[in-house]
PDB file of N, CA and C in Angstrom:
ATOM      1  N   MET A   1       2.458 -35.810  -4.194  1.00  0.00           N
ATOM      2  CA  MET A   1       0.969 -36.830  -4.018  1.00  0.00           C
ATOM      3  C   MET A   1       0.489 -35.861  -5.384  1.00  0.00           C
ATOM      4  N   GLU A   2       0.428 -34.556  -5.680  1.00  0.00           N
ATOM      5  CA  GLU A   2      -0.542 -34.175  -6.766  1.00  0.00           C
ATOM      6  C   GLU A   2      -0.158 -35.064  -8.220  1.00  0.00           C
ATOM      7  N   ASP A   3       0.653 -34.851  -8.188  1.00  0.00           N
ATOM      8  CA  ASP A   3       2.568 -35.920  -9.362  1.00  0.00           C
ATOM      9  C   ASP A   3       1.616 -37.256  -9.919  1.00  0.00           C
ATOM     10  N   ILE A   4       1.434 -37.501  -8.272  1.00  0.00           N
ATOM     11  CA  ILE A   4       0.473 -39.308  -8.338  1.00  0.00           C
ATOM     12  C   ILE A   4      -0.350 -39.267  -9.141  1.00  0.00           C
ATOM     13  N   VAL A   5      -1.133 -38.511  -8.776  1.00  0.00           N
ATOM     14  CA  VAL A   5      -2.787 -38.200  -8.667  1.00  0.00           C
ATOM     15  C   VAL A   5      -3.091 -38.303 -10.811  1.00  0.00           C
ATOM     16  N   VAL A   6      -2.288 -37.163 -10.825  1.00  0.00           N
ATOM     17  CA  VAL A   6      -1.695 -36.421 -12.397  1.00  0.00           C
ATOM     18  C   VAL A   6      -1.403 -37.644 -13.135  1.00  0.00           C
ATOM     19  N   THR A   7      -0.515 -38.378 -12.942  1.00  0.00           N
ATOM     20  CA  THR A   7      -0.087 -39.561 -13.508  1.00  0.00           C
ATOM     21  C   THR A   7      -0.984 -40.576 -13.562  1.00  0.00           C
ATOM     22  N   TYR A   8      -1.877 -40.869 -12.782  1.00  0.00           N
ATOM     23  CA  TYR A   8      -2.280 -42.275 -12.165  1.00  0.00           C
ATOM     24  C   TYR A   8      -3.821 -41.602 -13.658  1.00  0.00           C
ATOM     25  N   PHE A   9      -4.366 -40.473 -13.380  1.00  0.00           N
ATOM     26  CA  PHE A   9      -5.471 -39.739 -14.294  1.00  0.00           C
ATOM     27  C   PHE A   9      -4.939 -39.700 -15.752  1.00  0.00           C
ATOM     28  N   ARG A  10      -3.691 -39.407 -16.201  1.00  0.00           N
ATOM     29  CA  ARG A  10      -3.137 -39.514 -17.668  1.00  0.00           C
ATOM     30  C   ARG A  10      -3.142 -41.151 -17.783  1.00  0.00           C
ATOM     31  N   GLU A  11      -2.579 -41.872 -17.675  1.00  0.00           N
ATOM     32  CA  GLU A  11      -2.529 -43.706 -18.011  1.00  0.00           C
ATOM     33  C   GLU A  11      -3.998 -44.091 -18.129  1.00  0.00           C
ATOM     34  N   ALA A  12      -4.820 -44.008 -17.058  1.00  0.00           N
ATOM     35  CA  ALA A  12      -6.490 -44.272 -17.196  1.00  0.00           C
ATOM     36  C   ALA A  12      -7.103 -43.279 -18.567  1.00  0.00           C
ATOM     37  N   ILE A  13      -6.442 -42.349 -18.800  1.00  0.00           N
ATOM     38  CA  ILE A  13      -7.757 -41.492 -19.915  1.00  0.00           C
ATOM     39  C   ILE A  13      -6.332 -42.538 -20.972  1.00  0.00           C
ATOM     40  N   VAL A  14      -5.177 -42.826 -21.747  1.00  0.00           N
ATOM     41  CA  VAL A  14      -4.906 -43.699 -22.050  1.00  0.00           C
ATOM     42  C   VAL A  14      -5.391 -45.369 -22.175  1.00  0.00           C
ATOM     43  N   ILE A  15      -5.205 -45.775 -21.648  1.00  0.00           N
ATOM     44  CA  ILE A  15      -6.209 -46.877 -21.158  1.00  0.00           C
ATOM     45  C   ILE A  15      -7.619 -46.514 -21.404  1.00  0.00           C
ATOM     46  N   ILE A  16      -8.176 -46.073 -20.869  1.00  0.00           N
ATOM     47  CA  ILE A  16     -10.108 -46.124 -21.774  1.00  0.00           C
ATOM     48  C   ILE A  16      -9.673 -45.422 -23.522  1.00  0.00           C
ATOM     49  N   CYS A  17      -8.398 -44.620 -23.911  1.00  0.00           N
ATOM     50  CA  CYS A  17      -8.648 -44.923 -25.611  1.00  0.00           C
ATOM     51  C   CYS A  17      -8.034 -46.023 -26.025  1.00  0.00           C
ATOM     52  N   TYR A  18      -7.387 -46.853 -25.762  1.00  0.00           N
ATOM     53  CA  TYR A  18      -6.820 -47.791 -26.280  1.00  0.00           C
ATOM     54  C   TYR A  18      -7.750 -49.393 -26.140  1.00  0.00           C
ATOM     55  N   ALA A  19      -9.019 -49.336 -25.219  1.00  0.00           N
ATOM     56  CA  ALA A  19     -10.088 -49.616 -25.303  1.00  0.00           C
ATOM     57  C   ALA A  19     -10.488 -49.560 -26.087  1.00  0.00           C
ATOM     58  N   SER A  20     -11.196 -48.572 -26.087  1.00  0.00           N
ATOM     59  CA  SER A  20     -12.578 -47.773 -27.069  1.00  0.00           C
ATOM     60  C   SER A  20     -12.070 -48.355 -28.848  1.00  0.00           C
ATOM     61  N   VAL A  21     -10.939 -48.182 -28.622  1.00  0.00           N
ATOM     62  CA  VAL A  21      -9.856 -48.059 -30.088  1.00  0.00           C
ATOM     63  C   VAL A  21     -10.450 -49.031 -31.026  1.00  0.00           C
ATOM     64  N   PRO A  22     -11.022 -50.594 -30.634  1.00  0.00           N
ATOM     65  CA  PRO A  22     -11.733 -51.644 -31.378  1.00  0.00           C
ATOM     66  C   PRO A  22     -13.387 -51.378 -31.659  1.00  0.00           C
ATOM     67  N   ALA A  23     -14.159 -51.167 -30.487  1.00  0.00           N
ATOM     68  CA  ALA A  23     -15.304 -50.104 -31.111  1.00  0.00           C
ATOM     69  C   ALA A  23     -15.300 -49.858 -32.136  1.00  0.00           C
ATOM     70  N   LEU A  24     -14.720 -47.764 -31.922  1.00  0.00           N
ATOM     71  CA  LEU A  24     -14.488 -47.064 -32.592  1.00  0.00           C
ATOM     72  C   LEU A  24     -14.039 -47.488 -34.186  1.00  0.00           C
ATOM     73  N   LEU A  25     -12.741 -48.285 -34.750  1.00  0.00           N
ATOM     74  CA  LEU A  25     -13.018 -48.207 -35.533  1.00  0.00           C
ATOM     75  C   LEU A  25     -13.155 -49.638 -36.691  1.00  0.00           C
ATOM     76  N   THR A  26     -13.710 -49.565 -35.889  1.00  0.00           N
ATOM     77  CA  THR A  26     -15.338 -51.218 -36.695  1.00  0.00           C
ATOM     78  C   THR A  26     -16.643 -50.244 -36.663  1.00  0.00           C
ATOM     79  N   ALA A  27     -16.833 -49.339 -35.899  1.00  0.00           N
ATOM     80  CA  ALA A  27     -17.614 -48.786 -36.615  1.00  0.00           C
ATOM     81  C   ALA A  27     -17.738 -47.390 -37.581  1.00  0.00           C
ATOM     82  N   LEU A  28     -16.709 -46.753 -37.006  1.00  0.00           N
ATOM     83  CA  LEU A  28     -16.000 -46.354 -38.805  1.00  0.00           C
ATOM     84  C   LEU A  28     -15.813 -46.620 -40.316  1.00  0.00           C
ATOM     85  N   ILE A  29     -15.311 -48.153 -39.923  1.00  0.00           N
ATOM     86  CA  ILE A  29     -14.740 -49.173 -41.401  1.00  0.00           C
ATOM     87  C   ILE A  29     -16.520 -48.954 -41.400  1.00  0.00           C
ATOM     88  N   ILE A  30     -17.565 -50.312 -40.956  1.00  0.00           N
ATOM     89  CA  ILE A  30     -19.204 -50.475 -40.857  1.00  0.00           C
ATOM     90  C   ILE A  30     -19.593 -49.218 -41.799  1.00  0.00           C
ATOM     91  N   GLY A  31     -19.388 -47.653 -40.919  1.00  0.00           N
ATOM     92  CA  GLY A  31     -20.041 -46.782 -41.422  1.00  0.00           C
ATOM     93  C   GLY A  31     -19.787 -46.235 -42.925  1.00  0.00           C
ATOM     94  N   PHE A  32     -18.394 -46.151 -43.169  1.00  0.00           N
ATOM     95  CA  PHE A  32     -18.054 -45.844 -44.049  1.00  0.00           C
ATOM     96  C   PHE A  32     -18.408 -46.969 -45.993  1.00  0.00           C
ATOM     97  N   GLY A  33     -18.319 -48.299 -44.978  1.00  0.00           N
ATOM     98  CA  GLY A  33     -18.853 -49.607 -46.138  1.00  0.00           C
ATOM     99  C   GLY A  33     -20.193 -49.077 -46.484  1.00  0.00           C
ATOM    100  N   VAL A  34     -20.911 -48.690 -45.642  1.00  0.00           N
ATOM    101  CA  VAL A  34     -22.576 -48.823 -45.618  1.00  0.00           C
ATOM    102  C   VAL A  34     -22.826 -47.741 -46.037  1.00  0.00           C
ATOM    103  N   SER A  35     -22.126 -46.556 -45.986  1.00  0.00           N
ATOM    104  CA  SER A  35     -22.305 -45.347 -46.850  1.00  0.00           C
ATOM    105  C   SER A  35     -21.965 -45.548 -48.316  1.00  0.00           C
ATOM    106  N   PHE A  36     -20.825 -46.044 -48.995  1.00  0.00           N
ATOM    107  CA  PHE A  36     -20.297 -46.517 -50.556  1.00  0.00           C
ATOM    108  C   PHE A  36     -21.265 -47.024 -50.788  1.00  0.00           C
ATOM    109  N   LEU A  37     -21.949 -48.045 -49.990  1.00  0.00           N
ATOM    110  CA  LEU A  37     -22.590 -48.587 -50.399  1.00  0.00           C
ATOM    111  C   LEU A  37     -24.022 -47.881 -50.985  1.00  0.00           C
ATOM    112  N   GLN A  38     -24.116 -47.222 -50.017  1.00  0.00           N
ATOM    113  CA  GLN A  38     -25.696 -46.459 -50.104  1.00  0.00           C
ATOM    114  C   GLN A  38     -25.688 -45.076 -51.604  1.00  0.00           C
ATOM    115  N   ALA A  39     -24.237 -45.364 -51.326  1.00  0.00           N
ATOM    116  CA  ALA A  39     -24.281 -44.248 -52.725  1.00  0.00           C
ATOM    117  C   ALA A  39     -23.543 -45.108 -53.722  1.00  0.00           C
ATOM    118  N   ALA A  40     -23.119 -45.831 -53.929  1.00  0.00           N
ATOM    119  CA  ALA A  40     -23.376 -46.513 -55.213  1.00  0.00           C
ATOM    120  C   ALA A  40     -24.825 -47.406 -55.701  1.00  0.00           C
ATOM    121  N   THR A  41     -25.601 -47.444 -54.969  1.00  0.00           N
ATOM    122  CA  THR A  41     -26.690 -48.057 -55.200  1.00  0.00           C
ATOM    123  C   THR A  41     -27.987 -47.048 -54.796  1.00  0.00           C
ATOM    124  N   GLN A  42     -27.433 -45.771 -54.666  1.00  0.00           N
ATOM    125  CA  GLN A  42     -28.593 -44.231 -54.732  1.00  0.00           C
ATOM    126  C   GLN A  42     -29.757 -45.238 -53.551  1.00  0.00           C
ATOM    127  N   ILE A  43     -28.956 -45.840 -52.651  1.00  0.00           N
ATOM    128  CA  ILE A  43     -30.319 -46.487 -51.345  1.00  0.00           C
ATOM    129  C   ILE A  43     -30.083 -45.402 -50.542  1.00  0.00           C
ATOM    130  N   GLN A  44     -31.387 -44.151 -50.319  1.00  0.00           N
ATOM    131  CA  GLN A  44     -30.529 -43.044 -49.024  1.00  0.00           C
ATOM    132  C   GLN A  44     -31.805 -43.477 -47.882  1.00  0.00           C
ATOM    133  N   GLU A  45     -31.746 -44.785 -47.662  1.00  0.00           N
ATOM    134  CA  GLU A  45     -32.303 -44.807 -45.852  1.00  0.00           C
ATOM    135  C   GLU A  45     -31.448 -44.827 -44.819  1.00  0.00           C
ATOM    136  N   GLN A  46     -32.081 -43.698 -43.910  1.00  0.00           N
ATOM    137  CA  GLN A  46     -31.020 -43.072 -42.965  1.00  0.00           C
ATOM    138  C   GLN A  46     -30.659 -44.280 -42.191  1.00  0.00           C
ATOM    139  N   THR A  47     -31.558 -45.106 -41.887  1.00  0.00           N
ATOM    140  CA  THR A  47     -31.529 -46.050 -40.331  1.00  0.00           C
ATOM    141  C   THR A  47     -31.127 -47.083 -41.072  1.00  0.00           C
ATOM    142  N   LEU A  48     -30.426 -47.242 -42.567  1.00  0.00           N
ATOM    143  CA  LEU A  48     -29.514 -48.653 -42.551  1.00  0.00           C
ATOM    144  C   LEU A  48     -28.653 -48.944 -42.500  1.00  0.00           C
ATOM    145  N   SER A  49     -27.735 -47.541 -41.806  1.00  0.00           N
ATOM    146  CA  SER A  49     -26.513 -47.844 -41.293  1.00  0.00           C
ATOM    147  C   SER A  49     -26.426 -48.175 -39.693  1.00  0.00           C
ATOM    148  N   TYR A  50     -27.416 -47.981 -39.198  1.00  0.00           N
ATOM    149  CA  TYR A  50     -27.669 -48.489 -37.721  1.00  0.00           C
ATOM    150  C   TYR A  50     -27.109 -49.821 -37.403  1.00  0.00           C
ATOM    151  N   VAL A  51     -28.683 -50.702 -37.886  1.00  0.00           N
ATOM    152  CA  VAL A  51     -27.886 -52.072 -37.823  1.00  0.00           C
ATOM    153  C   VAL A  51     -26.456 -52.756 -37.915  1.00  0.00           C
ATOM    154  N   PRO A  52     -26.212 -52.574 -39.203  1.00  0.00           N
ATOM    155  CA  PRO A  52     -25.140 -53.448 -39.323  1.00  0.00           C
ATOM    156  C   PRO A  52     -23.843 -52.944 -38.152  1.00  0.00           C
ATOM    157  N   LYS A  53     -23.638 -51.350 -38.005  1.00  0.00           N
ATOM    158  CA  LYS A  53     -22.891 -50.696 -37.020  1.00  0.00           C
ATOM    159  C   LYS A  53     -22.999 -51.223 -35.571  1.00  0.00           C
ATOM    160  N   ILE A  54     -24.216 -51.498 -35.470  1.00  0.00           N
ATOM    161  CA  ILE A  54     -24.732 -51.839 -33.504  1.00  0.00           C
ATOM    162  C   ILE A  54     -24.405 -53.766 -33.685  1.00  0.00           C
ATOM    163  N   MET A  55     -24.385 -54.244 -34.498  1.00  0.00           N
ATOM    164  CA  MET A  55     -24.306 -55.739 -34.593  1.00  0.00           C
ATOM    165  C   MET A  55     -22.596 -55.919 -34.523  1.00  0.00           C
ATOM    166  N   ALA A  56     -21.616 -54.700 -35.151  1.00  0.00           N
ATOM    167  CA  ALA A  56     -20.301 -55.341 -35.610  1.00  0.00           C
ATOM    168  C   ALA A  56     -20.114 -54.712 -34.320  1.00  0.00           C
ATOM    169  N   VAL A  57     -20.348 -53.400 -33.545  1.00  0.00           N
ATOM    170  CA  VAL A  57     -19.441 -53.454 -32.365  1.00  0.00           C
ATOM    171  C   VAL A  57     -19.955 -54.407 -31.561  1.00  0.00           C
ATOM    172  N   PHE A  58     -21.336 -54.478 -31.988  1.00  0.00           N
ATOM    173  CA  PHE A  58     -21.137 -55.961 -30.181  1.00  0.00           C
ATOM    174  C   PHE A  58     -20.590 -57.017 -30.846  1.00  0.00           C
ATOM    175  N   LEU A  59     -19.970 -57.261 -31.676  1.00  0.00           N
ATOM    176  CA  LEU A  59     -19.285 -58.752 -31.931  1.00  0.00           C
ATOM    177  C   LEU A  59     -18.234 -58.523 -31.319  1.00  0.00           C
ATOM    178  N   ILE A  60     -17.707 -57.311 -31.948  1.00  0.00           N
ATOM    179  CA  ILE A  60     -16.028 -56.794 -31.033  1.00  0.00           C
ATOM    180  C   ILE A  60     -15.981 -56.133 -29.653  1.00  0.00           C
ATOM    181  N   LEU A  61     -16.995 -56.253 -29.300  1.00  0.00           N
ATOM    182  CA  LEU A  61     -16.664 -56.168 -27.673  1.00  0.00           C
ATOM    183  C   LEU A  61     -16.970 -57.458 -27.228  1.00  0.00           C
ATOM    184  N   MET A  62     -17.379 -58.205 -27.852  1.00  0.00           N
ATOM    185  CA  MET A  62     -17.734 -59.871 -26.886  1.00  0.00           C
ATOM    186  C   MET A  62     -16.859 -59.896 -27.601  1.00  0.00           C
ATOM    187  N   LEU A  63     -15.760 -60.270 -28.243  1.00  0.00           N
ATOM    188  CA  LEU A  63     -14.506 -60.396 -29.136  1.00  0.00           C
ATOM    189  C   LEU A  63     -13.124 -59.856 -27.934  1.00  0.00           C
ATOM    190  N   THR A  64     -13.423 -58.821 -27.704  1.00  0.00           N
ATOM    191  CA  THR A  64     -12.471 -57.782 -26.896  1.00  0.00           C
ATOM    192  C   THR A  64     -12.688 -58.177 -25.808  1.00  0.00           C
ATOM    193  N   PHE A  65     -13.343 -58.239 -24.906  1.00  0.00           N
ATOM    194  CA  PHE A  65     -14.011 -57.769 -23.464  1.00  0.00           C
ATOM    195  C   PHE A  65     -13.067 -58.324 -23.006  1.00  0.00           C
ATOM    196  N   SER A  66     -12.141 -59.534 -23.188  1.00  0.00           N
ATOM    197  CA  SER A  66     -11.179 -60.056 -21.902  1.00  0.00           C
ATOM    198  C   SER A  66     -10.194 -59.080 -22.292  1.00  0.00           C
ATOM    199  N   TRP A  67      -9.945 -59.038 -23.356  1.00  0.00           N
ATOM    200  CA  TRP A  67      -8.612 -57.881 -23.112  1.00  0.00           C
ATOM    201  C   TRP A  67      -8.685 -56.499 -22.807  1.00  0.00           C
ATOM    202  N   MET A  68      -9.929 -55.772 -22.677  1.00  0.00           N
ATOM    203  CA  MET A  68     -10.138 -54.945 -22.411  1.00  0.00           C
ATOM    204  C   MET A  68     -10.501 -55.453 -20.560  1.00  0.00           C
ATOM    205  N   MET A  69     -10.880 -56.008 -20.329  1.00  0.00           N
ATOM    206  CA  MET A  69     -10.933 -56.525 -18.572  1.00  0.00           C
ATOM    207  C   MET A  69      -9.437 -56.411 -18.444  1.00  0.00           C
ATOM    208  N   GLN A  70      -8.285 -57.115 -18.886  1.00  0.00           N
ATOM    209  CA  GLN A  70      -7.880 -57.348 -18.336  1.00  0.00           C
ATOM    210  C   GLN A  70      -6.999 -56.225 -17.842  1.00  0.00           C
ATOM    211  N   LEU A  71      -7.146 -55.192 -19.068  1.00  0.00           N
ATOM    212  CA  LEU A  71      -6.203 -53.241 -18.914  1.00  0.00           C
ATOM    213  C   LEU A  71      -7.167 -53.136 -17.986  1.00  0.00           C
ATOM    214  N   PHE A  72      -7.762 -53.024 -18.139  1.00  0.00           N
ATOM    215  CA  PHE A  72      -8.875 -52.298 -16.699  1.00  0.00           C
ATOM    216  C   PHE A  72      -8.108 -52.586 -15.083  1.00  0.00           C
ATOM    217  N   VAL A  73      -8.926 -53.953 -15.182  1.00  0.00           N
ATOM    218  CA  VAL A  73      -8.237 -55.010 -13.978  1.00  0.00           C
ATOM    219  C   VAL A  73      -6.362 -54.327 -13.439  1.00  0.00           C
ATOM    220  N   GLY A  74      -5.982 -54.907 -14.773  1.00  0.00           N
ATOM    221  CA  GLY A  74      -4.146 -54.312 -13.784  1.00  0.00           C
ATOM    222  C   GLY A  74      -4.122 -52.736 -13.748  1.00  0.00           C
ATOM    223  N   PHE A  75      -4.872 -52.114 -14.131  1.00  0.00           N
ATOM    224  CA  PHE A  75      -4.943 -50.805 -13.979  1.00  0.00           C
ATOM    225  C   PHE A  75      -5.236 -50.533 -12.427  1.00  0.00           C
ATOM    226  N   THR A  76      -6.414 -51.028 -12.348  1.00  0.00           N
ATOM    227  CA  THR A  76      -7.146 -51.630 -10.854  1.00  0.00           C
ATOM    228  C   THR A  76      -6.309 -51.541  -9.744  1.00  0.00           C
ATOM    229  N   GLU A  77      -5.575 -53.030 -10.385  1.00  0.00           N
ATOM    230  CA  GLU A  77      -4.302 -52.973  -8.934  1.00  0.00           C
ATOM    231  C   GLU A  77      -3.634 -52.546  -8.973  1.00  0.00           C
ATOM    232  N   LYS A  78      -2.916 -52.030  -9.940  1.00  0.00           N
ATOM    233  CA  LYS A  78      -1.499 -50.824 -10.047  1.00  0.00           C
ATOM    234  C   LYS A  78      -1.940 -49.568  -9.277  1.00  0.00           C
ATOM    235  N   ILE A  79      -3.020 -49.091  -9.094  1.00  0.00           N
ATOM    236  CA  ILE A  79      -3.932 -48.121  -7.892  1.00  0.00           C
ATOM    237  C   ILE A  79      -3.700 -49.082  -6.394  1.00  0.00           C
ATOM    238  N   LEU A  80      -4.239 -49.662  -6.556  1.00  0.00           N
ATOM    239  CA  LEU A  80      -4.885 -50.172  -4.992  1.00  0.00           C
ATOM    240  C   LEU A  80      -3.018 -50.658  -4.496  1.00  0.00           C
ATOM    241  N   LYS A  81      -2.432 -51.475  -5.169  1.00  0.00           N
ATOM    242  CA  LYS A  81      -1.306 -51.599  -4.707  1.00  0.00           C
ATOM    243  C   LYS A  81      -0.420 -50.839  -4.271  1.00  0.00           C
ATOM    244  N   ASN A  82      -0.382 -49.723  -5.028  1.00  0.00           N
ATOM    245  CA  ASN A  82       0.137 -48.228  -4.654  1.00  0.00           C
ATOM    246  C   ASN A  82      -0.810 -47.050  -3.726  1.00  0.00           C
ATOM    247  N   PHE A  83      -1.902 -47.531  -3.814  1.00  0.00           N
ATOM    248  CA  PHE A  83      -2.277 -46.651  -2.389  1.00  0.00           C
ATOM    249  C   PHE A  83      -2.305 -47.436  -1.312  1.00  0.00           C
ATOM    250  N   TYR A  84      -2.526 -48.534  -1.101  1.00  0.00           N
ATOM    251  CA  TYR A  84      -1.918 -49.133  -0.044  1.00  0.00           C
ATOM    252  C   TYR A  84      -0.624 -48.971   0.430  1.00  0.00           C
ATOM    253  N   VAL A  85       0.702 -48.801  -0.124  1.00  0.00           N
ATOM    254  CA  VAL A  85       1.976 -48.629  -0.030  1.00  0.00           C
ATOM    255  C   VAL A  85       1.720 -47.034   0.673  1.00  0.00           C
ATOM    256  N   LEU A  86       1.156 -45.840  -0.188  1.00  0.00           N
ATOM    257  CA  LEU A  86       0.951 -44.881   0.294  1.00  0.00           C
ATOM    258  C   LEU A  86       0.154 -44.415   1.925  1.00  0.00           C
ATOM    259  N   ILE A  87      -0.355 -45.324   2.233  1.00  0.00           N
ATOM    260  CA  ILE A  87      -1.385 -45.369   3.214  1.00  0.00           C
ATOM    261  C   ILE A  87      -1.060 -46.097   4.361  1.00  0.00           C
ATOM    262  N   GLY A  88       0.199 -47.520   4.239  1.00  0.00           N
ATOM    263  CA  GLY A  88       0.523 -48.064   5.354  1.00  0.00           C
ATOM    264  C   GLY A  88       1.908 -47.251   5.065  1.00  0.00           C
TER     265      GLY A  88
END
């Protein structure tokens, strides 16, 4: 029983990592681009990097939402089916 819980916990962490990659990678790329632009133009406004990051991450989350939900729903169905087998 403990092995099953550890296996599902490990799989849940991997799925969460997969689902967070698009948003984190987008924020990293946009942040790097804005920082490069700030360094090139010597504009040192601290809040300049937040708006493009928020907009880009929001857009990526909208575009990848169905894929993320497929991951989460598939994992939830797998857990519930195996839970039913263990209990029943």
